[in-house]
N, C-alpha and C. Protein backbone atom coordinates (compact mmCIF):
# COMPACT_ATOMS: atom_id res chain seq x y z
N MET A 1 47.32 26.83 -56.88
CA MET A 1 47.11 27.35 -55.21
C MET A 1 46.04 25.98 -54.68
N THR A 2 46.30 25.55 -54.10
CA THR A 2 45.30 24.53 -53.19
C THR A 2 44.02 25.13 -52.43
N THR A 3 43.21 24.85 -52.34
CA THR A 3 41.96 25.15 -51.55
C THR A 3 42.29 24.84 -50.14
N LEU A 4 41.85 25.41 -49.15
CA LEU A 4 41.76 25.40 -47.52
C LEU A 4 41.83 24.05 -47.45
N ARG A 5 40.69 23.00 -47.99
CA ARG A 5 40.11 21.82 -47.54
C ARG A 5 41.16 21.08 -48.60
N GLU A 6 41.75 21.32 -49.23
CA GLU A 6 42.80 20.54 -50.00
C GLU A 6 43.95 20.47 -48.92
N ALA A 7 44.50 21.69 -48.62
CA ALA A 7 45.92 22.11 -48.17
C ALA A 7 46.28 21.22 -47.18
N SER A 8 45.32 20.35 -46.56
CA SER A 8 45.79 19.70 -45.79
C SER A 8 45.57 18.00 -46.17
N HIS A 9 45.52 17.96 -47.16
CA HIS A 9 45.10 16.45 -48.08
C HIS A 9 46.72 15.89 -48.16
N PRO A 10 46.69 14.82 -47.35
CA PRO A 10 48.03 13.94 -47.48
C PRO A 10 48.80 14.05 -48.53
N PHE A 11 48.35 13.74 -50.20
CA PHE A 11 48.94 14.06 -51.27
C PHE A 11 49.89 15.82 -51.35
N VAL A 12 49.12 16.24 -50.57
CA VAL A 12 49.38 17.96 -50.80
C VAL A 12 50.54 18.18 -49.78
N VAL A 13 50.80 17.74 -48.65
CA VAL A 13 51.26 17.48 -47.52
C VAL A 13 52.35 16.20 -48.22
N ALA A 14 52.43 15.86 -49.11
CA ALA A 14 53.94 14.87 -49.23
C ALA A 14 53.98 15.65 -50.16
N LEU A 15 53.72 16.40 -51.30
CA LEU A 15 54.17 17.46 -52.23
C LEU A 15 55.37 18.19 -51.74
N ASP A 16 54.38 19.04 -50.69
CA ASP A 16 54.71 19.91 -49.72
C ASP A 16 56.60 19.71 -49.54
N ALA A 17 56.40 18.61 -48.86
CA ALA A 17 57.70 17.68 -48.18
C ALA A 17 58.23 17.45 -49.60
N LEU A 18 57.72 16.84 -50.62
CA LEU A 18 59.12 16.94 -51.83
C LEU A 18 59.35 18.26 -51.96
N ALA A 19 58.89 19.57 -52.48
CA ALA A 19 58.98 20.63 -52.62
C ALA A 19 60.82 21.13 -51.78
N THR A 20 60.35 21.11 -50.67
CA THR A 20 61.02 21.55 -49.50
C THR A 20 62.58 20.78 -49.55
N ALA A 21 62.35 19.29 -49.71
CA ALA A 21 63.56 18.48 -49.72
C ALA A 21 64.23 19.00 -50.82
N ALA A 22 63.78 18.86 -52.55
CA ALA A 22 64.29 19.11 -53.36
C ALA A 22 65.09 20.68 -53.60
N GLU A 23 64.31 21.66 -52.67
CA GLU A 23 64.90 22.52 -52.05
C GLU A 23 66.36 22.95 -51.54
N THR A 24 65.96 22.06 -50.56
CA THR A 24 67.37 22.45 -49.60
C THR A 24 68.12 20.95 -49.66
N GLY A 25 68.01 19.92 -50.78
CA GLY A 25 68.71 18.91 -50.99
C GLY A 25 68.96 17.84 -49.91
N ASP A 26 67.98 17.68 -49.29
CA ASP A 26 67.58 16.67 -48.45
C ASP A 26 67.35 15.56 -49.15
N GLU A 27 67.82 14.68 -49.28
CA GLU A 27 68.00 13.57 -50.04
C GLU A 27 67.00 12.50 -49.78
N ALA A 28 67.84 12.74 -48.39
CA ALA A 28 66.77 11.56 -47.18
C ALA A 28 65.51 11.45 -47.09
N ALA A 29 65.10 12.79 -46.80
CA ALA A 29 63.43 13.16 -46.80
C ALA A 29 63.30 13.06 -47.69
N PHE A 30 63.83 13.04 -48.87
CA PHE A 30 62.72 13.46 -50.73
C PHE A 30 63.22 11.76 -50.60
N THR A 31 63.82 10.73 -50.48
CA THR A 31 63.57 9.55 -50.80
C THR A 31 63.04 8.76 -49.90
N ARG A 32 62.42 9.04 -48.78
CA ARG A 32 61.73 8.38 -48.27
C ARG A 32 60.41 9.31 -48.26
N LEU A 33 59.65 9.91 -49.54
CA LEU A 33 58.50 10.20 -50.46
C LEU A 33 57.92 9.14 -51.02
N PHE A 34 59.18 8.18 -51.47
CA PHE A 34 58.77 7.61 -52.67
C PHE A 34 59.08 5.91 -52.67
N SER A 35 58.17 5.39 -52.80
CA SER A 35 57.67 3.39 -52.72
C SER A 35 59.69 3.03 -53.31
N THR A 36 59.60 1.67 -53.17
CA THR A 36 60.85 1.71 -53.11
C THR A 36 61.26 0.99 -54.70
N ASP A 37 60.20 0.99 -55.52
CA ASP A 37 59.83 0.67 -57.15
C ASP A 37 59.15 1.54 -57.76
N ALA A 38 59.13 2.79 -57.23
CA ALA A 38 58.87 4.10 -57.62
C ALA A 38 59.59 4.17 -59.29
N THR A 39 58.90 4.44 -59.89
CA THR A 39 59.34 4.67 -61.59
C THR A 39 59.09 6.57 -61.62
N ILE A 40 59.85 6.72 -62.45
CA ILE A 40 59.44 8.47 -62.58
C ILE A 40 60.11 8.61 -64.24
N TRP A 41 59.81 9.36 -64.44
CA TRP A 41 59.44 10.05 -65.93
C TRP A 41 60.16 11.16 -66.34
N GLN A 42 60.60 11.90 -67.16
CA GLN A 42 60.87 13.10 -67.40
C GLN A 42 61.24 13.43 -68.92
N SER A 43 60.39 15.00 -69.39
CA SER A 43 60.27 14.82 -70.26
C SER A 43 61.67 15.44 -71.15
N THR A 44 62.60 15.68 -70.37
CA THR A 44 63.68 16.01 -71.22
C THR A 44 64.39 14.76 -70.99
N VAL A 45 64.31 13.10 -70.14
CA VAL A 45 64.87 12.68 -70.36
C VAL A 45 64.73 11.42 -71.69
N GLY A 46 63.31 11.47 -71.45
CA GLY A 46 62.53 10.33 -72.04
C GLY A 46 62.54 8.80 -72.15
N HIS A 47 63.13 8.19 -70.89
CA HIS A 47 63.26 7.16 -70.74
C HIS A 47 62.57 7.15 -69.11
N GLY A 48 62.38 6.33 -68.54
CA GLY A 48 62.14 5.65 -67.32
C GLY A 48 62.97 5.79 -66.27
N MET A 49 63.20 6.40 -65.08
CA MET A 49 64.41 6.66 -64.22
C MET A 49 63.55 5.75 -63.04
N ARG A 50 64.48 5.89 -62.21
CA ARG A 50 64.54 5.29 -60.30
C ARG A 50 64.69 6.15 -59.54
N VAL A 51 64.19 6.14 -58.45
CA VAL A 51 64.61 7.24 -57.48
C VAL A 51 65.82 7.59 -57.29
N PRO A 52 66.71 6.50 -57.37
CA PRO A 52 68.85 7.11 -57.14
C PRO A 52 68.81 8.50 -58.28
N ASP A 53 68.49 7.44 -59.29
CA ASP A 53 68.69 8.38 -60.83
C ASP A 53 67.77 10.11 -60.37
N LEU A 54 66.91 10.11 -59.63
CA LEU A 54 66.62 11.60 -59.30
C LEU A 54 66.71 11.67 -58.68
N VAL A 55 67.81 10.84 -57.47
CA VAL A 55 68.35 11.97 -56.73
C VAL A 55 69.53 12.55 -57.19
N ARG A 56 70.14 11.72 -58.23
CA ARG A 56 71.50 12.06 -59.19
C ARG A 56 71.39 13.23 -59.78
N VAL A 57 69.91 13.63 -60.37
CA VAL A 57 69.67 14.51 -60.55
C VAL A 57 69.26 16.31 -59.97
N LEU A 58 68.94 15.71 -58.62
CA LEU A 58 69.14 16.61 -57.51
C LEU A 58 70.70 17.13 -57.24
N ARG A 59 71.91 16.24 -57.34
CA ARG A 59 73.17 16.75 -56.81
C ARG A 59 73.31 17.29 -57.62
N ALA A 60 73.12 17.41 -59.03
CA ALA A 60 73.80 18.00 -60.04
C ALA A 60 73.10 19.44 -60.26
N LEU A 61 71.63 19.57 -59.53
CA LEU A 61 71.27 20.93 -59.10
C LEU A 61 71.84 21.25 -58.34
N ASP A 62 72.25 21.08 -57.25
CA ASP A 62 72.72 21.83 -56.14
C ASP A 62 74.09 21.93 -56.73
N ARG A 63 74.81 21.45 -57.79
CA ARG A 63 76.12 21.78 -58.10
C ARG A 63 75.64 23.03 -59.07
N THR A 64 74.98 23.33 -59.40
CA THR A 64 74.46 23.90 -61.19
C THR A 64 73.82 25.37 -60.50
N VAL A 65 72.97 25.12 -59.80
CA VAL A 65 71.75 26.19 -59.70
C VAL A 65 71.37 26.37 -57.97
N GLY A 66 71.59 27.80 -57.46
CA GLY A 66 71.53 27.41 -55.89
C GLY A 66 70.06 28.79 -55.86
N GLY A 67 70.19 28.67 -54.43
CA GLY A 67 69.05 29.34 -54.15
C GLY A 67 67.63 28.62 -54.84
N ARG A 68 67.27 27.57 -55.04
CA ARG A 68 66.49 27.36 -56.09
C ARG A 68 64.93 27.09 -55.06
N ARG A 69 63.82 27.94 -55.46
CA ARG A 69 62.52 27.66 -54.88
C ARG A 69 61.48 27.26 -56.09
N TYR A 70 60.67 26.67 -55.48
CA TYR A 70 59.28 26.41 -56.04
C TYR A 70 58.28 27.75 -55.76
N LEU A 71 57.74 27.81 -56.91
CA LEU A 71 57.29 29.18 -56.77
C LEU A 71 56.20 28.78 -57.57
N ASP A 72 54.73 29.87 -57.43
CA ASP A 72 53.11 29.62 -58.12
C ASP A 72 52.92 28.08 -58.17
N ARG A 73 53.07 27.06 -57.12
CA ARG A 73 52.88 26.04 -57.31
C ARG A 73 51.54 25.94 -57.07
N ARG A 74 50.27 25.07 -57.64
CA ARG A 74 49.39 24.31 -57.54
C ARG A 74 49.14 23.10 -57.92
N VAL A 75 48.20 22.73 -57.20
CA VAL A 75 48.09 21.15 -56.85
C VAL A 75 46.48 20.70 -57.10
N ASP A 76 46.68 19.98 -57.92
CA ASP A 76 44.85 19.81 -58.10
C ASP A 76 44.89 18.09 -57.20
N VAL A 77 44.07 17.88 -56.52
CA VAL A 77 43.93 16.60 -56.22
C VAL A 77 43.31 15.63 -57.02
N LEU A 78 43.82 14.54 -57.08
CA LEU A 78 42.69 13.42 -57.86
C LEU A 78 42.78 12.25 -56.87
N GLU A 79 41.75 11.29 -57.67
CA GLU A 79 41.32 10.26 -56.91
C GLU A 79 42.49 9.40 -56.07
N ARG A 80 43.72 9.22 -57.02
CA ARG A 80 44.93 8.30 -56.98
C ARG A 80 46.28 8.98 -56.58
N GLY A 81 45.95 10.88 -56.70
CA GLY A 81 47.32 11.32 -57.30
C GLY A 81 46.96 12.75 -57.19
N ALA A 82 47.78 13.39 -58.12
CA ALA A 82 47.68 15.08 -57.75
C ALA A 82 48.82 15.43 -58.94
N VAL A 83 48.33 16.47 -59.71
CA VAL A 83 48.60 17.64 -60.80
C VAL A 83 49.33 18.63 -60.06
N GLU A 84 50.49 18.90 -60.07
CA GLU A 84 50.74 20.29 -59.59
C GLU A 84 51.60 21.30 -61.06
N GLN A 85 51.29 22.08 -60.78
CA GLN A 85 51.87 23.18 -61.82
C GLN A 85 52.84 23.92 -61.42
N HIS A 86 54.28 23.96 -61.77
CA HIS A 86 55.07 24.84 -60.55
C HIS A 86 56.09 25.68 -61.33
N VAL A 87 56.86 26.92 -61.20
CA VAL A 87 58.09 27.15 -62.01
C VAL A 87 58.75 27.25 -60.51
N LEU A 88 60.31 26.76 -61.05
CA LEU A 88 60.95 26.55 -60.21
C LEU A 88 62.53 27.53 -60.62
N GLU A 89 62.40 28.44 -59.75
CA GLU A 89 63.82 29.31 -60.09
C GLU A 89 64.77 29.48 -59.15
N GLY A 90 65.98 29.82 -59.59
CA GLY A 90 66.74 29.72 -58.71
C GLY A 90 68.11 30.46 -59.64
N THR A 91 69.55 30.71 -59.16
CA THR A 91 70.38 31.58 -59.69
C THR A 91 71.87 30.42 -59.90
N ARG A 92 71.61 30.44 -61.35
CA ARG A 92 73.26 29.79 -61.80
C ARG A 92 74.45 30.33 -61.60
N LEU A 93 74.85 29.15 -60.80
CA LEU A 93 76.16 29.56 -60.42
C LEU A 93 77.42 29.64 -61.09
N SER A 94 77.22 29.19 -62.14
CA SER A 94 78.36 29.75 -63.17
C SER A 94 78.59 31.10 -63.85
N ASP A 95 77.02 31.55 -63.61
CA ASP A 95 77.90 33.25 -63.85
C ASP A 95 76.65 34.17 -63.15
N GLY A 96 75.93 33.48 -62.09
CA GLY A 96 75.12 34.30 -61.50
C GLY A 96 73.65 34.59 -61.87
N ALA A 97 73.06 33.85 -63.06
CA ALA A 97 72.23 34.91 -63.76
C ALA A 97 70.96 33.81 -63.21
N ARG A 98 69.81 34.79 -63.17
CA ARG A 98 68.67 34.12 -62.35
C ARG A 98 68.10 33.26 -63.04
N VAL A 99 67.43 31.95 -63.31
CA VAL A 99 66.63 31.09 -64.24
C VAL A 99 65.73 30.97 -63.43
N ARG A 100 64.28 30.27 -64.66
CA ARG A 100 63.70 30.10 -64.53
C ARG A 100 62.58 28.33 -65.02
N LEU A 101 62.66 27.82 -64.59
CA LEU A 101 61.91 26.09 -65.01
C LEU A 101 60.53 26.25 -65.11
N THR A 102 59.38 26.34 -66.03
CA THR A 102 58.14 25.87 -65.51
C THR A 102 57.82 24.22 -65.97
N ALA A 103 57.43 23.95 -65.03
CA ALA A 103 56.90 22.42 -64.79
C ALA A 103 55.68 21.88 -64.30
N CYS A 104 54.86 20.87 -65.02
CA CYS A 104 53.75 19.88 -64.67
C CYS A 104 54.08 18.90 -64.44
N VAL A 105 54.00 18.42 -62.93
CA VAL A 105 53.82 16.93 -62.40
C VAL A 105 52.79 15.96 -61.83
N VAL A 106 53.01 15.01 -62.61
CA VAL A 106 51.47 14.08 -62.34
C VAL A 106 52.21 13.30 -61.73
N VAL A 107 51.47 12.92 -60.16
CA VAL A 107 52.14 12.13 -59.39
C VAL A 107 50.57 11.08 -59.15
N ARG A 108 51.26 9.67 -58.58
CA ARG A 108 50.18 8.69 -58.20
C ARG A 108 50.88 8.11 -56.79
N PHE A 109 50.18 8.37 -56.03
CA PHE A 109 50.49 7.53 -54.47
C PHE A 109 50.15 6.03 -54.56
N ASP A 110 50.56 5.44 -53.60
CA ASP A 110 50.71 4.24 -53.71
C ASP A 110 49.45 4.03 -52.04
N GLU A 111 49.36 2.97 -51.75
CA GLU A 111 48.13 2.40 -50.45
C GLU A 111 48.30 3.34 -49.05
N ASP A 112 50.06 3.42 -49.13
CA ASP A 112 51.25 4.03 -48.01
C ASP A 112 51.22 5.07 -47.99
N GLY A 113 50.85 5.80 -49.16
CA GLY A 113 50.52 7.61 -49.35
C GLY A 113 52.16 7.75 -50.04
N LEU A 114 53.01 6.57 -50.28
CA LEU A 114 53.90 7.00 -51.29
C LEU A 114 53.84 7.33 -52.46
N ILE A 115 54.99 7.81 -53.09
CA ILE A 115 54.67 8.10 -54.15
C ILE A 115 55.02 7.28 -54.98
N CYS A 116 54.50 6.78 -56.12
CA CYS A 116 54.66 5.15 -56.97
C CYS A 116 55.01 5.46 -58.49
N ASP A 117 54.61 6.49 -59.02
CA ASP A 117 54.93 7.24 -60.24
C ASP A 117 55.14 8.80 -59.91
N LEU A 118 55.94 9.42 -60.72
CA LEU A 118 55.92 10.73 -60.95
C LEU A 118 56.43 10.78 -62.48
N ARG A 119 56.09 11.80 -63.15
CA ARG A 119 56.12 11.93 -64.56
C ARG A 119 55.66 13.80 -64.43
N GLU A 120 57.25 14.17 -65.35
CA GLU A 120 57.36 15.52 -64.74
C GLU A 120 57.88 16.59 -66.73
N TYR A 121 57.06 16.88 -66.64
CA TYR A 121 56.59 17.44 -68.13
C TYR A 121 57.41 18.53 -67.84
N LEU A 122 58.79 19.51 -68.33
CA LEU A 122 59.36 20.14 -68.58
C LEU A 122 59.46 21.52 -69.51
N ASP A 123 59.49 22.59 -69.76
CA ASP A 123 59.78 23.29 -70.76
C ASP A 123 60.60 23.28 -71.37
N SER A 124 60.87 22.70 -72.82
CA SER A 124 62.36 22.29 -73.28
C SER A 124 63.19 23.83 -73.38
N ALA A 125 62.88 24.55 -73.64
CA ALA A 125 63.48 25.49 -73.89
C ALA A 125 64.41 26.46 -72.41
N GLU A 126 63.36 26.21 -71.27
CA GLU A 126 63.84 26.38 -70.34
C GLU A 126 65.01 25.54 -69.58
N THR A 127 64.31 24.63 -69.67
CA THR A 127 65.69 23.66 -69.32
C THR A 127 66.75 23.78 -69.74
N ALA A 128 66.93 23.95 -71.57
CA ALA A 128 68.48 24.30 -71.74
C ALA A 128 69.09 25.19 -71.00
N ALA A 129 68.14 26.31 -70.79
CA ALA A 129 69.12 27.59 -69.97
C ALA A 129 69.33 27.52 -68.86
N PHE A 130 68.64 26.56 -68.47
CA PHE A 130 68.42 26.56 -66.61
C PHE A 130 69.66 26.37 -66.21
N THR A 131 70.70 24.70 -66.75
CA THR A 131 71.60 24.88 -66.35
C THR A 131 72.75 25.61 -67.27
N ALA A 132 72.79 25.69 -68.46
CA ALA A 132 73.72 25.89 -69.62
C ALA A 132 74.83 26.90 -68.76
N PRO A 133 76.08 27.01 -69.79
CA PRO A 133 77.19 27.51 -69.10
C PRO A 133 76.37 28.80 -70.01
N PRO A 134 77.31 29.87 -69.22
CA PRO A 134 77.32 31.54 -69.93
C PRO A 134 77.53 31.12 -71.12
N THR A 135 77.46 32.09 -72.41
CA THR A 135 78.22 32.10 -73.89
C THR A 135 79.33 31.73 -73.69
N SER A 136 80.36 33.13 -72.88
CA SER A 136 81.27 33.24 -73.11
C SER A 136 82.33 31.78 -72.11
N LEU A 137 81.84 30.57 -71.66
CA LEU A 137 82.05 29.52 -70.98
C LEU A 137 81.83 28.49 -72.07
N ARG A 138 81.63 28.76 -73.06
CA ARG A 138 81.16 27.24 -74.64
C ARG A 138 82.11 27.41 -75.16
N SER A 139 82.71 26.23 -75.64
CA SER A 139 83.59 26.02 -76.61
C SER A 139 83.48 26.55 -78.27
């Protein structure tokens, strides 16, 4: 949770917009929050990505997990960025199971207030279950 003082901080406003765009699949709004040379890293991928790569991840989520919501968001504002802890919940479309993914995101903003570096640490066990097909569909 952010404090009332921090709730209107530009970094918190940007992260709120990022969560909303990710929940709704609004690629244009999502992309506008990043600098053109932004770097992205996810613990489950293990290598750097660019914004178009992250948009592809969002598209894959649209096809596999519906009703996504970012819950229990806690944002701490830092001098040049913020740290956010959250839980992403949704319904796995292949079998209707409710799934959740706990994450911590470290974000750095450039002088224009755009995200220039995003590092996302995901719970690996929850990641595997998040989009996994049900046991009966596995070969």
